[in-house]
N, C-alpha and C. Protein backbone atom coordinates (compact mmCIF):
# COMPACT_ATOMS: atom_id res chain seq x y z
N ASP A 1 -129.09 39.90 3.65
CA ASP A 1 -127.83 40.00 4.35
C ASP A 1 -127.17 41.33 4.07
N PRO A 2 -126.72 42.03 5.11
CA PRO A 2 -126.00 43.28 4.87
C PRO A 2 -124.66 42.99 4.22
N ALA A 3 -124.20 43.92 3.40
CA ALA A 3 -122.92 43.77 2.72
C ALA A 3 -121.78 43.89 3.72
N LEU A 4 -120.71 43.16 3.44
CA LEU A 4 -119.52 43.28 4.28
C LEU A 4 -118.89 44.64 4.04
N PRO A 5 -118.26 45.21 5.07
CA PRO A 5 -117.57 46.49 4.86
C PRO A 5 -116.42 46.32 3.88
N GLU A 6 -116.12 47.39 3.17
CA GLU A 6 -115.00 47.38 2.23
C GLU A 6 -113.71 47.63 3.01
N LEU A 7 -112.80 46.67 2.96
CA LEU A 7 -111.56 46.73 3.71
C LEU A 7 -110.39 46.94 2.76
N GLU A 8 -109.57 47.95 3.05
CA GLU A 8 -108.33 48.20 2.30
C GLU A 8 -107.18 48.14 3.30
N LEU A 9 -106.15 47.41 2.94
CA LEU A 9 -104.99 47.26 3.82
C LEU A 9 -103.73 47.53 3.01
N ASP A 10 -102.98 48.54 3.42
CA ASP A 10 -101.69 48.86 2.80
C ASP A 10 -100.60 48.47 3.80
N LEU A 11 -100.02 47.30 3.58
CA LEU A 11 -99.03 46.78 4.52
C LEU A 11 -97.80 47.66 4.63
N GLU A 12 -97.32 48.16 3.51
CA GLU A 12 -96.10 48.97 3.52
C GLU A 12 -96.29 50.29 4.26
N ALA A 13 -97.44 50.93 4.05
CA ALA A 13 -97.72 52.21 4.71
C ALA A 13 -98.31 52.03 6.10
N GLY A 14 -98.79 50.83 6.40
CA GLY A 14 -99.41 50.59 7.69
C GLY A 14 -100.76 51.27 7.83
N VAL A 15 -101.49 51.38 6.71
CA VAL A 15 -102.76 52.08 6.70
C VAL A 15 -103.90 51.09 6.47
N VAL A 16 -104.95 51.25 7.28
CA VAL A 16 -106.16 50.43 7.15
C VAL A 16 -107.32 51.37 6.91
N ARG A 17 -108.14 51.03 5.91
CA ARG A 17 -109.36 51.80 5.65
C ARG A 17 -110.53 50.83 5.63
N VAL A 18 -111.61 51.24 6.24
CA VAL A 18 -112.87 50.51 6.17
C VAL A 18 -113.90 51.47 5.61
N ASN A 19 -114.48 51.08 4.48
CA ASN A 19 -115.42 51.96 3.77
C ASN A 19 -114.82 53.35 3.55
N ARG A 20 -113.55 53.36 3.15
CA ARG A 20 -112.77 54.57 2.83
C ARG A 20 -112.42 55.43 4.04
N ARG A 21 -112.73 54.96 5.23
CA ARG A 21 -112.42 55.68 6.47
C ARG A 21 -111.17 55.07 7.08
N ILE A 22 -110.16 55.90 7.37
CA ILE A 22 -108.93 55.40 7.99
C ILE A 22 -109.23 54.93 9.41
N VAL A 23 -108.70 53.75 9.73
CA VAL A 23 -108.88 53.16 11.05
C VAL A 23 -107.53 53.08 11.73
N SER A 24 -107.46 53.58 12.95
CA SER A 24 -106.23 53.53 13.73
C SER A 24 -106.19 52.23 14.53
N LEU A 25 -105.10 51.48 14.35
CA LEU A 25 -104.95 50.21 15.06
C LEU A 25 -103.65 50.20 15.86
N SER A 26 -103.66 49.45 16.95
CA SER A 26 -102.42 49.24 17.70
C SER A 26 -101.52 48.31 16.88
N PRO A 27 -100.24 48.24 17.22
CA PRO A 27 -99.35 47.34 16.47
C PRO A 27 -99.81 45.87 16.49
N LYS A 28 -100.32 45.41 17.61
CA LYS A 28 -100.80 44.02 17.70
C LYS A 28 -102.06 43.83 16.88
N GLU A 29 -102.97 44.79 16.91
CA GLU A 29 -104.18 44.71 16.09
C GLU A 29 -103.82 44.68 14.61
N PHE A 30 -102.85 45.52 14.23
CA PHE A 30 -102.41 45.55 12.83
C PHE A 30 -101.78 44.22 12.43
N ALA A 31 -100.95 43.65 13.32
CA ALA A 31 -100.31 42.36 13.04
C ALA A 31 -101.36 41.26 12.86
N LEU A 32 -102.38 41.28 13.69
CA LEU A 32 -103.47 40.30 13.56
C LEU A 32 -104.18 40.47 12.23
N LEU A 33 -104.54 41.70 11.90
CA LEU A 33 -105.25 41.95 10.65
C LEU A 33 -104.38 41.57 9.45
N ALA A 34 -103.10 41.89 9.50
CA ALA A 34 -102.20 41.56 8.39
C ALA A 34 -102.12 40.05 8.20
N HIS A 35 -102.08 39.31 9.30
CA HIS A 35 -102.03 37.84 9.21
C HIS A 35 -103.32 37.29 8.62
N LEU A 36 -104.46 37.77 9.13
CA LEU A 36 -105.75 37.31 8.60
C LEU A 36 -105.91 37.70 7.13
N TYR A 37 -105.44 38.89 6.78
CA TYR A 37 -105.54 39.37 5.40
C TYR A 37 -104.69 38.52 4.46
N ALA A 38 -103.51 38.15 4.91
CA ALA A 38 -102.62 37.31 4.10
C ALA A 38 -103.23 35.94 3.86
N HIS A 39 -104.09 35.50 4.77
CA HIS A 39 -104.72 34.19 4.68
C HIS A 39 -106.24 34.32 4.52
N ARG A 40 -106.70 35.44 3.93
CA ARG A 40 -108.14 35.71 3.82
C ARG A 40 -108.88 34.54 3.18
N GLY A 41 -110.02 34.25 3.76
CA GLY A 41 -110.86 33.15 3.28
C GLY A 41 -110.50 31.81 3.91
N ALA A 42 -109.32 31.70 4.49
CA ALA A 42 -108.89 30.48 5.15
C ALA A 42 -109.01 30.63 6.67
N VAL A 43 -109.17 29.53 7.35
CA VAL A 43 -109.24 29.56 8.81
C VAL A 43 -107.82 29.62 9.37
N CYS A 44 -107.58 30.61 10.23
CA CYS A 44 -106.30 30.75 10.93
C CYS A 44 -106.50 30.25 12.35
N THR A 45 -105.69 29.29 12.76
CA THR A 45 -105.82 28.75 14.10
C THR A 45 -105.27 29.75 15.12
N LYS A 46 -105.63 29.54 16.37
CA LYS A 46 -105.12 30.41 17.43
C LYS A 46 -103.61 30.27 17.55
N SER A 47 -103.10 29.09 17.32
CA SER A 47 -101.65 28.88 17.38
C SER A 47 -100.95 29.67 16.29
N GLN A 48 -101.48 29.65 15.07
CA GLN A 48 -100.90 30.43 13.97
C GLN A 48 -100.96 31.92 14.27
N ILE A 49 -102.10 32.37 14.78
CA ILE A 49 -102.26 33.79 15.13
C ILE A 49 -101.27 34.18 16.22
N GLY A 50 -101.14 33.33 17.23
CA GLY A 50 -100.21 33.61 18.32
C GLY A 50 -98.79 33.80 17.84
N ARG A 51 -98.34 32.93 16.93
CA ARG A 51 -96.98 33.04 16.39
C ARG A 51 -96.82 34.29 15.52
N ALA A 52 -97.88 34.67 14.81
CA ALA A 52 -97.81 35.85 13.93
C ALA A 52 -97.80 37.15 14.72
N VAL A 53 -98.57 37.20 15.80
CA VAL A 53 -98.73 38.44 16.56
C VAL A 53 -97.70 38.57 17.68
N TRP A 54 -97.33 37.46 18.28
CA TRP A 54 -96.35 37.45 19.36
C TRP A 54 -95.18 36.55 18.99
N PRO A 55 -94.39 36.90 17.98
CA PRO A 55 -93.32 36.01 17.51
C PRO A 55 -92.21 35.80 18.54
N ASP A 56 -92.09 36.69 19.50
CA ASP A 56 -91.04 36.58 20.50
C ASP A 56 -91.41 35.66 21.66
N TYR A 57 -92.69 35.20 21.74
CA TYR A 57 -93.10 34.27 22.79
C TYR A 57 -92.47 32.91 22.53
N LYS A 58 -91.97 32.30 23.57
CA LYS A 58 -91.40 30.95 23.46
C LYS A 58 -92.53 29.90 23.41
N GLU A 59 -93.65 30.20 24.04
CA GLU A 59 -94.78 29.28 24.07
C GLU A 59 -95.96 29.93 23.35
N ASP A 60 -97.03 29.16 23.17
CA ASP A 60 -98.22 29.71 22.53
C ASP A 60 -98.82 30.82 23.38
N ALA A 61 -99.43 31.78 22.71
CA ALA A 61 -100.17 32.83 23.41
C ALA A 61 -101.40 32.19 24.05
N TYR A 62 -101.87 32.78 25.11
CA TYR A 62 -103.06 32.27 25.78
C TYR A 62 -104.30 32.58 24.95
N ASP A 63 -105.28 31.69 25.04
CA ASP A 63 -106.54 31.88 24.30
C ASP A 63 -107.17 33.23 24.60
N TYR A 64 -107.16 33.63 25.88
CA TYR A 64 -107.82 34.88 26.24
C TYR A 64 -107.12 36.07 25.59
N GLN A 65 -105.80 36.00 25.39
CA GLN A 65 -105.08 37.10 24.73
C GLN A 65 -105.55 37.24 23.28
N ILE A 66 -105.67 36.13 22.61
CA ILE A 66 -106.10 36.14 21.21
C ILE A 66 -107.56 36.57 21.11
N GLU A 67 -108.41 36.02 21.97
CA GLU A 67 -109.83 36.37 21.94
C GLU A 67 -110.04 37.86 22.21
N ASN A 68 -109.32 38.41 23.17
CA ASN A 68 -109.44 39.85 23.46
C ASN A 68 -108.93 40.70 22.31
N LEU A 69 -107.84 40.27 21.68
CA LEU A 69 -107.30 41.01 20.54
C LEU A 69 -108.27 40.98 19.37
N VAL A 70 -108.88 39.83 19.10
CA VAL A 70 -109.86 39.72 18.01
C VAL A 70 -111.05 40.62 18.31
N ARG A 71 -111.53 40.61 19.55
CA ARG A 71 -112.67 41.45 19.94
C ARG A 71 -112.36 42.92 19.73
N ARG A 72 -111.17 43.36 20.15
CA ARG A 72 -110.79 44.77 19.97
C ARG A 72 -110.68 45.13 18.49
N LEU A 73 -110.09 44.24 17.70
CA LEU A 73 -109.95 44.50 16.26
C LEU A 73 -111.32 44.59 15.59
N ARG A 74 -112.21 43.69 15.94
CA ARG A 74 -113.57 43.73 15.37
C ARG A 74 -114.24 45.07 15.66
N THR A 75 -114.12 45.51 16.90
CA THR A 75 -114.76 46.77 17.31
C THR A 75 -114.16 47.96 16.59
N ARG A 76 -112.85 47.95 16.38
CA ARG A 76 -112.21 49.07 15.66
C ARG A 76 -112.61 49.10 14.20
N LEU A 77 -112.71 47.91 13.59
CA LEU A 77 -113.02 47.85 12.16
C LEU A 77 -114.47 48.20 11.87
N VAL A 78 -115.38 47.71 12.71
CA VAL A 78 -116.81 47.91 12.48
C VAL A 78 -117.45 48.36 13.81
N PRO A 79 -117.27 49.64 14.17
CA PRO A 79 -117.74 50.10 15.48
C PRO A 79 -119.26 50.15 15.64
N ASP A 80 -119.99 50.27 14.53
CA ASP A 80 -121.44 50.47 14.64
C ASP A 80 -122.26 49.35 14.01
N GLY A 81 -121.70 48.19 13.84
CA GLY A 81 -122.45 47.14 13.18
C GLY A 81 -122.09 45.77 13.71
N PRO A 82 -122.59 44.73 13.04
CA PRO A 82 -122.24 43.37 13.47
C PRO A 82 -120.75 43.14 13.24
N THR A 83 -120.05 42.76 14.29
CA THR A 83 -118.60 42.68 14.23
C THR A 83 -118.07 41.30 13.86
N ASP A 84 -118.93 40.29 13.85
CA ASP A 84 -118.41 38.95 13.58
C ASP A 84 -118.62 38.50 12.14
N ASP A 85 -119.11 39.39 11.26
CA ASP A 85 -119.25 39.03 9.86
C ASP A 85 -117.91 39.15 9.13
N LEU A 86 -117.17 40.20 9.42
CA LEU A 86 -115.89 40.44 8.77
C LEU A 86 -114.83 39.45 9.27
N ILE A 87 -114.72 39.32 10.58
CA ILE A 87 -113.83 38.33 11.18
C ILE A 87 -114.72 37.27 11.84
N GLU A 88 -114.80 36.14 11.18
CA GLU A 88 -115.71 35.08 11.60
C GLU A 88 -115.01 34.13 12.56
N THR A 89 -115.68 33.77 13.65
CA THR A 89 -115.19 32.74 14.54
C THR A 89 -115.61 31.39 13.98
N VAL A 90 -114.64 30.51 13.79
CA VAL A 90 -114.92 29.14 13.36
C VAL A 90 -114.68 28.28 14.59
N ARG A 91 -115.75 27.97 15.28
CA ARG A 91 -115.68 27.28 16.57
C ARG A 91 -114.79 26.04 16.50
N GLY A 92 -113.89 25.95 17.47
CA GLY A 92 -113.01 24.81 17.57
C GLY A 92 -111.82 24.84 16.62
N HIS A 93 -111.76 25.86 15.75
CA HIS A 93 -110.68 25.92 14.78
C HIS A 93 -109.90 27.23 14.83
N GLY A 94 -110.59 28.37 14.79
CA GLY A 94 -109.91 29.66 14.80
C GLY A 94 -110.76 30.76 14.21
N TYR A 95 -110.16 31.59 13.35
CA TYR A 95 -110.83 32.77 12.81
C TYR A 95 -110.57 32.86 11.31
N ARG A 96 -111.54 33.47 10.60
CA ARG A 96 -111.42 33.65 9.16
C ARG A 96 -111.83 35.08 8.80
N LEU A 97 -111.05 35.72 7.94
CA LEU A 97 -111.37 37.05 7.43
C LEU A 97 -112.18 36.88 6.17
N ASN A 98 -113.38 37.44 6.17
CA ASN A 98 -114.28 37.37 5.03
C ASN A 98 -114.29 38.72 4.33
N LEU A 99 -113.99 38.72 3.06
CA LEU A 99 -114.02 39.96 2.26
C LEU A 99 -115.01 39.80 1.13
N ALA A 100 -115.59 40.92 0.72
CA ALA A 100 -116.57 40.89 -0.37
C ALA A 100 -115.91 40.59 -1.68
């Protein structure tokens, strides 16, 4: 099994590094990563993610919004490798951030 990328997240500075390389994220991508990071190792439901990333929405975010955001974040974090190892899809439940 290939090793997971090394992820560093500085919430106060808003800086993300993967394998010591700074990664530029949109505000929504950063909010998603911050939520997953705060709950690393645990499954975050789409409803929880929706409230964390779109707190001003009166209703839940649509599944396609969350799925597209997760896909974009995966691609930004690991552009040249398997993207679902770091952010794992847990079918029927949500997503989990896996760190080494």
